[in-house]
Amino acid sequence: MDEADAEGPPPPPPTTCRVAVVGAHRQRVARVAAILHADDSLGCVETASLTSTSRHPSTIDDATSTDPLKGVPPTVQVEYLPCVATFDTYEDESGESVRYLASLEYLGINGTLAKGKSLAPFFDAADSNGDGDDVGEDAPFPGISAVAIGCGIESEEDVEKVRGLLETLSAAQTSKKHTTGDEGDGQSGVVIECVQPNAGYSSMTEENDAFRDMANEEKKEATLNRTIGPGKMAKFAHDVAERIVRQRWNEEFTAHEQSASGEMQQEAQPATDESPLRSTVIDDPISDTQTASQPAPETHAPNPEKMRYACKRCRTVLFGVDDLEDPPHAQSQHDFRKRGHKSGQGSAGCQNHFIAQTLPWMNGCSDVEGKFHCPKCNAKVGHYSWTGAQCSCGTWVTPALMIPVSKVDEMRPTSQNIIAATGALFIGHSGVGIPAQESAEGS
């Protein structure tokens, strides 16, 4: 009894977020699950590593380590849920083949269950706190927090089918959070991301074909480096977990980074010089103006009277038609694929927007290649490669600042929206004005 009192109360359960890993091929999903369980670093998210100041040695001292992030757990455990999606088709009344999602099943912790289970119980857990796990309604990550899609699922249509089912399962959880007044901090609903091909590949199918053509030693190295194949998918699932952790405590992370940045600037001031001339430079209004204007590069305002393109997730305007390459590249000019593709015959058209030059929110693109993220919701919206990349049509474009068509929504010019709202004119897909009545009859 005394020993139990001396030990104190048991430690609180670890904070856990669930990430579903969804694919169309059982074996590939199981292979990814094996990698995730074999690497301890992929089984959790160290929150200190998500701050922009975490890599500065000056921030790793006794003063900062005792209170690294107020209100944020130092570690978030990640529970991966290997799942397989099965698609099927049927013929509608007109004889057209319609593809649909037949099932989405959980295959157990190792992804090896012969008979899958429903995902509904994981969302039901978000409505109860009776089991003591940190997944109840009041937990930081109730139910399933995010979904990483890959392993044979690539088309935007299939991704949307998976998204629709998961949004239906999480509808009650989402509606409760909206009624409690949460303000879009990444908690409402499930974050769903689909793995994208590396620069140089027009699709994940092409990238996976290249992985299969590798020698065994090359496959082992690529899997270990997480650059292609199942190793890349495992890293992608962990990256998704990091993003939702960052979104969950975004205010705390931002406050910590601002505080750490201010402390580093104060520490750097005495080291410059103690002369009056130096001190006046520090207090110079021009310098203050430049410092205050640093966040400005994240904004970009394309002409509202021309076509614009917005992030599909949060509807933030990213670029306009004036930002696209001019002139556009010639379609199907090259073809570097291996498996029987004829030269000059690319895939069906361009599935990417190519930007003429870097935009303010792209953060300079200082590396040889990298990814683009939405400046507001941080969703991946594209990638770049200064050495070039192949468009889906087959043409090699150098340099390549690519944003897939599936990642953005088109926004009509403001004047067209006003005309359409009056009912006098409907702007069809061809861009031709059609009387509203005729348009309704034609649809």
Protein backbone atom coordinates (compact mmCIF):
# COMPACT_ATOMS: atom_id res chain seq x y z
CA MET A 1 0.00 0.00 0.00
CA ASP A 2 2.75 2.40 1.05
CA GLU A 3 4.80 1.35 -1.98
CA ALA A 4 1.85 2.03 -4.24
CA ASP A 5 1.39 5.47 -2.70
CA ALA A 6 5.09 6.17 -3.11
CA GLU A 7 4.91 5.33 -6.79
CA GLY A 8 2.16 7.91 -7.29
CA PRO A 9 -0.68 7.82 -9.81
CA PRO A 10 -0.16 5.89 -13.04
CA PRO A 11 1.05 7.96 -15.99
CA PRO A 12 -1.63 9.17 -18.40
CA PRO A 13 -2.13 7.11 -21.56
CA PRO A 14 -0.03 8.28 -24.51
CA THR A 15 -1.63 10.59 -27.05
CA THR A 16 -2.41 8.52 -30.14
CA CYS A 17 -3.56 9.33 -33.64
CA ARG A 18 -4.84 6.76 -36.10
CA VAL A 19 -3.80 6.82 -39.75
CA ALA A 20 -5.45 4.43 -42.19
CA VAL A 21 -3.15 3.16 -44.96
CA VAL A 22 -5.45 2.35 -47.87
CA GLY A 23 -4.53 0.48 -51.04
CA ALA A 24 -6.05 -1.78 -53.68
CA HIS A 25 -3.49 -4.61 -53.35
CA ARG A 26 -3.37 -6.68 -50.17
CA GLN A 27 0.25 -7.76 -50.51
CA ARG A 28 1.51 -4.24 -51.09
CA VAL A 29 -0.48 -2.91 -48.13
CA ALA A 30 0.92 -5.69 -45.92
CA ARG A 31 4.46 -4.89 -47.09
CA VAL A 32 4.00 -1.24 -46.14
CA ALA A 33 2.59 -2.25 -42.75
CA ALA A 34 5.64 -4.44 -42.11
CA ILE A 35 7.97 -1.50 -42.80
CA LEU A 36 5.97 0.80 -40.52
CA HIS A 37 6.14 -1.68 -37.63
CA ALA A 38 9.82 -2.52 -38.17
CA ASP A 39 11.00 1.11 -37.90
CA ASP A 40 10.37 2.61 -34.46
CA SER A 41 10.92 6.13 -35.82
CA LEU A 42 7.80 5.74 -37.98
CA GLY A 43 5.66 4.67 -35.03
CA CYS A 44 5.52 8.08 -33.42
CA VAL A 45 5.79 11.80 -34.10
CA GLU A 46 8.30 13.82 -32.06
CA THR A 47 6.53 17.16 -31.88
CA ALA A 48 9.75 19.12 -31.29
CA SER A 49 10.92 18.05 -34.77
CA LEU A 50 7.93 19.80 -36.37
CA THR A 51 9.01 23.31 -35.37
CA SER A 52 11.06 25.47 -37.70
CA THR A 53 13.53 26.11 -34.85
CA SER A 54 14.05 22.46 -33.95
CA ARG A 55 17.16 22.10 -36.09
CA HIS A 56 18.96 25.08 -34.60
CA PRO A 57 21.49 23.94 -31.98
CA SER A 58 20.95 27.19 -30.05
CA THR A 59 17.41 26.11 -29.21
CA ILE A 60 18.45 22.79 -27.70
CA ASP A 61 19.52 23.82 -24.23
CA ASP A 62 18.28 23.56 -20.67
CA ALA A 63 16.11 26.66 -20.95
CA THR A 64 14.12 25.47 -23.93
CA SER A 65 14.11 21.73 -23.30
CA THR A 66 12.30 22.10 -19.95
CA ASP A 67 9.34 23.80 -21.66
CA PRO A 68 9.64 23.01 -25.39
CA LEU A 69 6.02 23.35 -26.47
CA LYS A 70 3.34 24.49 -24.04
CA GLY A 71 0.18 22.44 -24.29
CA VAL A 72 1.65 19.96 -26.80
CA PRO A 73 2.69 16.40 -25.84
CA PRO A 74 6.36 15.69 -26.61
CA THR A 75 5.45 12.52 -28.48
CA VAL A 76 2.34 11.38 -30.34
CA GLN A 77 2.02 7.66 -31.01
CA VAL A 78 0.80 6.69 -34.47
CA GLU A 79 -1.49 3.69 -34.91
CA TYR A 80 -1.53 2.59 -38.54
CA LEU A 81 -4.60 0.78 -39.87
CA PRO A 82 -3.80 -1.26 -43.02
CA CYS A 83 -6.90 -1.31 -45.23
CA VAL A 84 -7.79 -2.63 -48.67
CA ALA A 85 -10.32 -1.01 -50.99
CA THR A 86 -12.17 -3.20 -53.49
CA PHE A 87 -13.72 -1.65 -56.58
CA ASP A 88 -16.27 -3.19 -58.93
CA THR A 89 -18.43 -2.14 -61.89
CA TYR A 90 -22.03 -2.44 -63.04
CA GLU A 91 -23.97 -1.37 -66.11
CA ASP A 92 -26.44 1.46 -65.75
CA GLU A 93 -29.69 1.80 -67.69
CA SER A 94 -27.90 3.21 -70.72
CA GLY A 95 -25.43 0.33 -70.81
CA GLU A 96 -22.52 2.42 -69.52
CA SER A 97 -20.09 0.77 -67.13
CA VAL A 98 -20.10 2.47 -63.71
CA ARG A 99 -17.24 1.92 -61.27
CA TYR A 100 -18.00 1.92 -57.56
CA LEU A 101 -16.33 1.21 -54.21
CA ALA A 102 -17.53 -2.25 -53.19
CA SER A 103 -15.81 -2.40 -49.81
CA LEU A 104 -13.17 -0.78 -47.59
CA GLU A 105 -11.91 -3.20 -44.95
CA TYR A 106 -9.38 -3.16 -42.12
CA LEU A 107 -6.87 -6.02 -42.44
CA GLY A 108 -5.55 -6.07 -38.88
CA ILE A 109 -2.46 -4.45 -37.41
CA ASN A 110 -0.14 -6.34 -39.78
CA GLY A 111 -2.41 -6.15 -42.82
CA THR A 112 -2.62 -9.94 -43.08
CA LEU A 113 -6.20 -10.79 -42.04
CA ALA A 114 -7.84 -13.12 -44.56
CA LYS A 115 -11.23 -11.57 -43.84
CA GLY A 116 -11.27 -7.84 -43.37
CA LYS A 117 -13.24 -5.87 -40.78
CA SER A 118 -15.33 -2.72 -40.97
CA LEU A 119 -13.80 0.66 -40.12
CA ALA A 120 -17.03 1.84 -38.46
CA PRO A 121 -15.96 0.77 -34.91
CA PHE A 122 -12.99 3.15 -35.05
CA PHE A 123 -15.34 6.07 -35.66
CA ASP A 124 -17.78 4.77 -33.03
CA ALA A 125 -14.90 4.97 -30.52
CA ALA A 126 -14.91 8.74 -31.04
CA ASP A 127 -18.32 8.94 -29.39
CA SER A 128 -17.38 7.17 -26.16
CA ASN A 129 -14.70 7.49 -23.52
CA GLY A 130 -15.51 4.31 -21.64
CA ASP A 131 -12.49 2.25 -22.66
CA GLY A 132 -9.92 4.68 -21.27
CA ASP A 133 -8.08 5.04 -24.58
CA ASP A 134 -7.09 8.46 -25.81
CA VAL A 135 -9.45 8.26 -28.78
CA GLY A 136 -12.70 9.57 -27.30
CA GLU A 137 -14.64 12.63 -28.37
CA ASP A 138 -12.55 14.91 -26.14
CA ALA A 139 -9.23 13.39 -27.21
CA PRO A 140 -6.91 15.33 -29.54
CA PHE A 141 -7.43 12.75 -32.31
CA PRO A 142 -10.82 11.02 -32.05
CA GLY A 143 -11.60 8.13 -34.38
CA ILE A 144 -9.44 7.99 -37.51
CA SER A 145 -7.53 11.23 -38.02
CA ALA A 146 -6.08 10.76 -41.51
CA VAL A 147 -5.88 8.45 -44.49
CA ALA A 148 -2.83 7.79 -46.67
CA ILE A 149 -3.88 6.38 -50.04
CA GLY A 150 -1.64 4.47 -52.46
CA CYS A 151 -0.71 0.84 -53.20
CA GLY A 152 -2.63 0.67 -56.47
CA ILE A 153 -5.13 3.50 -55.96
CA GLU A 154 -4.19 6.43 -58.13
CA SER A 155 -7.07 7.99 -60.05
CA GLU A 156 -8.82 10.99 -58.56
CA GLU A 157 -12.16 9.24 -59.09
CA ASP A 158 -11.16 6.28 -56.90
CA VAL A 159 -9.72 8.61 -54.26
CA GLU A 160 -13.01 10.52 -54.17
CA LYS A 161 -14.95 7.27 -53.71
CA VAL A 162 -12.80 6.40 -50.69
CA ARG A 163 -13.18 9.96 -49.42
CA GLY A 164 -16.96 9.80 -49.74
CA LEU A 165 -17.23 6.60 -47.68
CA LEU A 166 -14.93 7.88 -44.93
CA GLU A 167 -16.74 11.21 -44.75
CA THR A 168 -19.99 9.31 -44.31
CA LEU A 169 -18.50 7.25 -41.46
CA SER A 170 -17.12 10.36 -39.76
CA ALA A 171 -20.22 12.53 -40.35
CA ALA A 172 -21.38 12.39 -36.74
CA GLN A 173 -17.91 13.19 -35.42
CA THR A 174 -17.53 16.10 -37.85
CA SER A 175 -20.96 17.57 -37.09
CA LYS A 176 -20.27 17.52 -33.37
CA LYS A 177 -17.04 19.43 -33.81
CA HIS A 178 -18.73 22.03 -35.97
CA THR A 179 -21.44 22.61 -33.36
CA THR A 180 -18.83 23.10 -30.61
CA GLY A 181 -17.31 26.00 -32.53
CA ASP A 182 -14.02 24.60 -33.82
CA GLU A 183 -12.63 26.82 -36.55
CA GLY A 184 -11.09 24.69 -39.24
CA ASP A 185 -7.83 23.83 -37.50
CA GLY A 186 -7.56 20.49 -39.22
CA GLN A 187 -9.74 18.60 -36.71
CA SER A 188 -13.05 18.69 -38.58
CA GLY A 189 -13.37 15.53 -40.66
CA VAL A 190 -10.66 13.17 -41.86
CA VAL A 191 -7.54 14.40 -43.66
CA ILE A 192 -7.17 12.30 -46.82
CA GLU A 193 -3.98 12.38 -48.90
CA CYS A 194 -2.91 10.33 -51.95
CA VAL A 195 0.75 9.58 -52.63
CA GLN A 196 2.13 11.38 -55.69
CA PRO A 197 4.80 10.26 -58.20
CA ASN A 198 8.38 11.45 -57.92
CA ALA A 199 9.72 14.00 -60.38
CA GLY A 200 10.44 12.24 -63.66
CA TYR A 201 7.36 9.97 -63.52
CA SER A 202 3.98 10.94 -64.93
CA SER A 203 2.03 8.54 -62.70
CA MET A 204 2.40 6.18 -59.76
CA THR A 205 1.82 3.27 -62.16
CA GLU A 206 4.88 4.28 -64.14
CA GLU A 207 6.90 4.76 -60.94
CA ASN A 208 5.87 1.34 -59.61
CA ASP A 209 6.81 -0.25 -62.94
CA ALA A 210 10.26 1.29 -62.58
CA PHE A 211 10.55 -0.13 -59.05
CA ARG A 212 9.62 -3.61 -60.26
CA ASP A 213 12.31 -3.40 -62.97
CA MET A 214 15.02 -2.74 -60.37
CA ALA A 215 17.52 -5.39 -59.30
CA ASN A 216 16.96 -6.86 -55.82
CA GLU A 217 19.83 -4.89 -54.30
CA GLU A 218 18.48 -1.68 -55.79
CA LYS A 219 15.03 -2.43 -54.35
CA LYS A 220 16.50 -2.99 -50.89
CA GLU A 221 18.41 0.29 -51.03
CA ALA A 222 15.39 2.22 -52.32
CA THR A 223 13.17 0.73 -49.61
CA LEU A 224 15.73 1.59 -46.94
CA ASN A 225 16.05 5.17 -48.25
CA ARG A 226 12.24 5.52 -48.54
CA THR A 227 12.57 6.95 -52.05
CA ILE A 228 10.39 4.61 -54.11
CA GLY A 229 8.21 1.54 -53.69
CA PRO A 230 6.77 0.39 -50.34
CA GLY A 231 9.41 2.33 -48.40
CA LYS A 232 8.20 5.56 -49.96
CA MET A 233 4.58 4.71 -49.11
CA ALA A 234 5.55 4.03 -45.47
CA LYS A 235 7.32 7.39 -45.24
CA PHE A 236 4.32 9.08 -46.87
CA ALA A 237 1.98 7.64 -44.22
CA HIS A 238 4.27 9.00 -41.50
CA ASP A 239 4.44 12.39 -43.25
CA VAL A 240 0.63 12.51 -43.20
CA ALA A 241 0.72 11.81 -39.46
CA GLU A 242 3.18 14.66 -38.95
CA ARG A 243 0.93 17.05 -40.87
CA ILE A 244 -2.16 16.30 -38.79
CA VAL A 245 -0.18 16.66 -35.55
CA ARG A 246 1.10 20.03 -36.73
CA GLN A 247 -2.43 21.10 -37.74
CA ARG A 248 -3.92 19.96 -34.43
CA TRP A 249 -1.68 22.29 -32.40
CA ASN A 250 -0.90 24.87 -35.06
CA GLU A 251 -1.45 27.84 -32.71
CA GLU A 252 0.93 26.38 -30.13
CA PHE A 253 3.59 25.60 -32.74
CA THR A 254 3.33 29.10 -34.22
CA ALA A 255 3.59 30.79 -30.81
CA HIS A 256 6.61 28.67 -29.90
CA GLU A 257 8.39 29.46 -33.19
CA GLN A 258 7.74 33.19 -32.84
CA SER A 259 9.05 33.15 -29.27
CA ALA A 260 12.15 31.14 -30.20
CA SER A 261 12.83 33.41 -33.18
CA GLY A 262 12.64 36.51 -30.94
CA GLU A 263 15.03 34.97 -28.41
CA MET A 264 17.56 34.12 -31.12
CA GLN A 265 17.42 37.68 -32.47
CA GLN A 266 18.01 39.12 -28.99
CA GLU A 267 20.95 36.77 -28.43
CA ALA A 268 22.45 37.76 -31.77
CA GLN A 269 22.31 41.52 -31.14
CA PRO A 270 25.16 41.80 -28.57
CA ALA A 271 27.35 39.62 -30.77
CA THR A 272 27.25 42.04 -33.69
CA ASP A 273 28.94 45.12 -32.25
CA GLU A 274 28.31 47.51 -29.35
CA SER A 275 29.04 50.67 -31.33
CA PRO A 276 26.26 53.30 -31.62
CA LEU A 277 26.29 52.90 -35.38
CA ARG A 278 25.41 49.21 -35.09
CA SER A 279 22.63 49.81 -32.58
CA THR A 280 21.01 52.42 -34.79
CA VAL A 281 20.94 49.93 -37.64
CA ILE A 282 19.05 47.46 -35.46
CA ASP A 283 16.44 50.09 -34.57
CA ASP A 284 16.22 51.50 -38.09
CA PRO A 285 12.56 51.80 -39.22
CA ILE A 286 13.51 50.46 -42.65
CA SER A 287 14.78 47.25 -41.07
CA ASP A 288 11.59 46.97 -39.03
CA THR A 289 9.53 47.38 -42.19
CA GLN A 290 11.47 44.63 -43.91
CA THR A 291 11.06 42.30 -40.95
CA ALA A 292 7.36 43.00 -40.73
CA SER A 293 6.94 42.29 -44.43
CA GLN A 294 8.56 38.84 -44.34
CA PRO A 295 5.25 36.88 -44.27
CA ALA A 296 4.10 38.78 -47.38
CA PRO A 297 5.70 36.34 -49.89
CA GLU A 298 3.00 33.80 -48.97
CA THR A 299 0.36 35.91 -50.71
CA HIS A 300 -0.29 36.04 -54.43
CA ALA A 301 -3.23 37.83 -56.04
CA PRO A 302 -3.86 36.82 -59.68
CA ASN A 303 -6.11 38.98 -61.82
CA PRO A 304 -9.72 38.22 -60.73
CA GLU A 305 -10.96 39.02 -64.23
CA LYS A 306 -9.08 36.02 -65.61
CA MET A 307 -9.19 32.31 -64.82
CA ARG A 308 -7.68 31.48 -61.44
CA TYR A 309 -6.86 28.20 -59.72
CA ALA A 310 -7.48 27.45 -56.02
CA CYS A 311 -6.41 24.73 -53.60
CA LYS A 312 -9.01 21.96 -53.80
CA ARG A 313 -9.03 21.52 -50.03
CA CYS A 314 -9.27 25.06 -48.62
CA ARG A 315 -10.04 27.13 -51.78
CA THR A 316 -7.04 29.43 -51.35
CA VAL A 317 -6.15 31.02 -54.70
CA LEU A 318 -2.69 29.75 -55.73
CA PHE A 319 -2.12 31.02 -59.27
CA GLY A 320 -3.81 32.45 -62.32
CA VAL A 321 -3.77 31.82 -66.03
CA ASP A 322 -1.14 34.56 -66.42
CA ASP A 323 1.24 32.52 -64.24
CA LEU A 324 1.23 29.50 -66.58
CA GLU A 325 4.07 28.72 -68.99
CA ASP A 326 3.85 30.79 -72.15
CA PRO A 327 3.93 29.37 -74.73
CA PRO A 328 2.72 25.97 -73.45
CA HIS A 329 4.98 22.99 -74.11
CA ALA A 330 4.31 20.84 -77.15
CA GLN A 331 2.26 17.80 -76.16
CA SER A 332 3.55 14.22 -76.56
CA GLN A 333 6.94 15.43 -77.77
CA HIS A 334 8.92 12.80 -75.84
CA ASP A 335 8.27 9.41 -74.28
CA PHE A 336 10.68 7.71 -71.88
CA ARG A 337 8.49 4.85 -70.74
CA LYS A 338 9.73 1.29 -70.95
CA ARG A 339 6.80 -1.02 -71.37
CA GLY A 340 5.86 -0.98 -75.03
CA HIS A 341 4.85 2.68 -75.36
CA LYS A 342 5.28 3.99 -78.88
CA SER A 343 7.28 7.15 -79.38
CA GLY A 344 5.19 10.30 -79.65
CA GLN A 345 2.13 8.71 -78.06
CA GLY A 346 1.75 10.09 -74.53
CA SER A 347 -1.18 9.63 -72.19
CA ALA A 348 -4.44 11.44 -72.69
CA GLY A 349 -3.43 15.08 -72.61
CA CYS A 350 -1.69 17.16 -69.98
CA GLN A 351 -2.78 16.47 -66.42
CA ASN A 352 -0.49 19.13 -64.94
CA HIS A 353 -0.35 22.91 -64.84
CA PHE A 354 3.19 24.19 -65.44
CA ILE A 355 4.05 27.50 -63.80
CA ALA A 356 6.32 29.90 -65.70
CA GLN A 357 8.28 31.08 -62.64
CA THR A 358 8.25 30.67 -58.88
CA LEU A 359 5.46 32.42 -57.02
CA PRO A 360 5.79 34.10 -53.60
CA TRP A 361 4.11 31.28 -51.65
CA MET A 362 6.51 28.69 -53.11
CA ASN A 363 9.28 29.76 -50.70
CA GLY A 364 11.97 30.20 -53.31
CA CYS A 365 12.39 26.58 -54.47
CA SER A 366 16.06 26.68 -53.46
CA ASP A 367 16.64 22.90 -53.66
CA VAL A 368 17.14 20.96 -56.88
CA GLU A 369 13.69 19.47 -56.44
CA GLY A 370 10.95 19.58 -53.84
CA LYS A 371 7.25 19.84 -53.11
CA PHE A 372 4.70 22.65 -53.16
CA HIS A 373 2.32 23.01 -50.21
CA CYS A 374 -0.72 25.23 -49.92
CA PRO A 375 0.27 28.29 -47.85
CA LYS A 376 -2.96 28.05 -45.84
CA CYS A 377 -3.83 24.38 -45.20
CA ASN A 378 -0.36 22.92 -45.96
CA ALA A 379 -1.79 20.28 -48.31
CA LYS A 380 0.63 19.10 -50.98
CA VAL A 381 -0.39 20.70 -54.28
CA GLY A 382 2.53 19.88 -56.56
CA HIS A 383 6.28 19.59 -56.93
CA TYR A 384 9.20 21.13 -58.78
CA SER A 385 12.44 19.99 -60.37
CA TRP A 386 14.99 22.36 -61.84
CA THR A 387 16.42 19.45 -63.87
CA GLY A 388 13.03 18.85 -65.47
CA ALA A 389 10.20 16.33 -65.29
CA GLN A 390 7.92 14.50 -67.66
CA CYS A 391 4.38 15.71 -68.14
CA SER A 392 1.57 13.14 -68.32
CA CYS A 393 1.36 13.83 -72.06
CA GLY A 394 4.95 12.56 -72.49
CA THR A 395 6.86 15.82 -73.01
CA TRP A 396 9.91 16.48 -70.84
CA VAL A 397 9.64 20.02 -69.43
CA THR A 398 12.67 21.90 -68.02
CA PRO A 399 12.48 23.42 -65.50
CA ALA A 400 9.31 21.84 -64.14
CA LEU A 401 7.08 23.71 -61.68
CA MET A 402 4.17 21.27 -61.77
CA ILE A 403 0.75 21.40 -60.13
CA PRO A 404 -1.57 18.47 -61.01
CA VAL A 405 -4.98 19.41 -62.39
CA SER A 406 -6.54 17.19 -59.70
CA LYS A 407 -5.09 19.33 -56.89
CA VAL A 408 -6.80 22.60 -57.82
CA ASP A 409 -10.24 23.93 -58.74
CA GLU A 410 -10.84 26.39 -61.54
CA MET A 411 -12.30 29.77 -60.54
CA ARG A 412 -14.11 31.69 -63.26
CA PRO A 413 -13.48 35.39 -63.74
CA THR A 414 -15.49 37.51 -61.33
CA SER A 415 -17.50 39.15 -64.09
CA GLN A 416 -18.68 35.75 -65.34
CA ASN A 417 -19.86 34.79 -61.86
CA ILE A 418 -21.90 37.99 -61.68
CA ILE A 419 -23.52 37.34 -65.05
CA ALA A 420 -24.28 33.73 -64.16
CA ALA A 421 -25.82 34.80 -60.84
CA THR A 422 -28.34 37.05 -62.63
CA GLY A 423 -29.75 34.10 -64.59
CA ALA A 424 -29.26 35.94 -67.87
CA LEU A 425 -26.36 33.90 -69.10
CA PHE A 426 -24.73 30.56 -68.30
CA ILE A 427 -21.07 30.03 -69.11
CA GLY A 428 -20.71 26.52 -70.49
CA HIS A 429 -17.59 24.33 -70.34
CA SER A 430 -16.66 25.50 -73.82
CA GLY A 431 -16.62 29.11 -72.62
CA VAL A 432 -19.58 30.02 -74.88
CA GLY A 433 -22.43 32.02 -73.35
CA ILE A 434 -25.72 30.08 -73.35
CA PRO A 435 -29.08 31.44 -72.19
CA ALA A 436 -29.86 30.06 -68.74
CA GLN A 437 -33.13 28.45 -69.86
CA GLU A 438 -31.50 26.59 -72.76
CA SER A 439 -28.70 25.44 -70.45
CA ALA A 440 -31.19 23.97 -67.99
CA GLU A 441 -33.01 22.11 -70.77
CA GLY A 442 -29.74 20.75 -72.18
CA SER A 443 -28.57 19.30 -68.86
